Amino acid sequence: MNRVLIGIRGEPTPEGMERILRALRDLEGTSQVQATGPTQVLVEYDPQVLTVMDLLRTIREQGFLAGML
């Protein structure tokens, strides 16, 4: 398992952050997803199944820009 800390541009509302967390948790290959701050998410994922770009793409699909920290 790999871990990555992702920063989200802007400040998502609590509902927006919950949408992001739910979308990441729904991905096959994530084992842990948690908000570590109002604009940060820590994701533990299986690199055999997902890439960091897959995670960032999922966040973008929720309407937010994101990048690795």
Protein backbone atom coordinates (compact mmCIF):
# COMPACT_ATOMS: atom_id res chain seq x y z
CA MET A 1 0.00 0.00 0.00
CA ASN A 2 1.12 3.55 -0.78
CA ARG A 3 0.05 6.75 0.94
CA VAL A 4 -0.35 10.17 -0.58
CA LEU A 5 -1.35 13.52 0.87
CA ILE A 6 -3.51 15.49 -1.56
CA GLY A 7 -4.22 19.20 -1.35
CA ILE A 8 -7.51 20.54 -2.65
CA ARG A 9 -7.66 24.00 -4.22
CA GLY A 10 -9.98 26.48 -2.60
CA GLU A 11 -11.85 25.55 0.52
CA PRO A 12 -14.54 22.96 -0.09
CA THR A 13 -17.68 23.17 2.00
CA PRO A 14 -18.21 20.30 4.47
CA GLU A 15 -20.64 18.80 1.96
CA GLY A 16 -18.07 19.13 -0.83
CA MET A 17 -15.38 17.47 1.28
CA GLU A 18 -17.75 14.63 2.15
CA ARG A 19 -18.47 14.17 -1.56
CA ILE A 20 -14.72 13.97 -2.26
CA LEU A 21 -14.11 11.48 0.57
CA ARG A 22 -17.03 9.29 -0.53
CA ALA A 23 -15.85 9.26 -4.16
CA LEU A 24 -12.33 8.26 -3.11
CA ARG A 25 -13.60 5.57 -0.74
CA ASP A 26 -15.75 4.14 -3.52
CA LEU A 27 -12.69 3.53 -5.70
CA GLU A 28 -11.50 -0.06 -5.84
CA GLY A 29 -7.99 -0.08 -4.39
CA THR A 30 -8.33 2.50 -1.62
CA SER A 31 -8.00 1.14 1.90
CA GLN A 32 -8.04 4.37 3.92
CA VAL A 33 -9.30 7.86 3.09
CA GLN A 34 -9.40 10.65 5.65
CA ALA A 35 -9.50 14.42 5.73
CA THR A 36 -6.45 15.77 7.55
CA GLY A 37 -7.55 19.39 7.32
CA PRO A 38 -10.10 21.57 5.54
CA THR A 39 -8.21 21.25 2.23
CA GLN A 40 -6.19 18.03 2.64
CA VAL A 41 -6.94 14.36 2.18
CA LEU A 42 -4.71 11.41 3.09
CA VAL A 43 -5.28 8.35 0.91
CA GLU A 44 -3.84 4.87 1.34
CA TYR A 45 -4.15 2.96 -1.92
CA ASP A 46 -2.93 -0.11 -3.77
CA PRO A 47 -0.49 1.02 -6.50
CA GLN A 48 -1.26 -2.17 -8.45
CA VAL A 49 -4.86 -0.95 -8.86
CA LEU A 50 -4.69 2.88 -8.76
CA THR A 51 -2.30 5.70 -9.58
CA VAL A 52 -2.12 9.14 -8.00
CA MET A 53 -3.55 10.50 -11.25
CA ASP A 54 -6.61 8.27 -10.76
CA LEU A 55 -7.11 9.84 -7.33
CA LEU A 56 -6.69 13.38 -8.65
CA ARG A 57 -9.05 12.67 -11.55
CA THR A 58 -11.69 11.43 -9.09
CA ILE A 59 -11.43 14.68 -7.13
CA ARG A 60 -11.66 16.72 -10.33
CA GLU A 61 -14.81 14.80 -11.26
CA GLN A 62 -16.33 16.13 -8.03
CA GLY A 63 -15.65 19.70 -9.22
CA PHE A 64 -12.38 20.50 -7.40
CA LEU A 65 -8.75 20.93 -8.43
CA ALA A 66 -6.16 18.95 -6.48
CA GLY A 67 -2.47 18.11 -6.37
CA MET A 68 0.04 16.14 -4.34
CA LEU A 69 1.55 17.84 -1.30
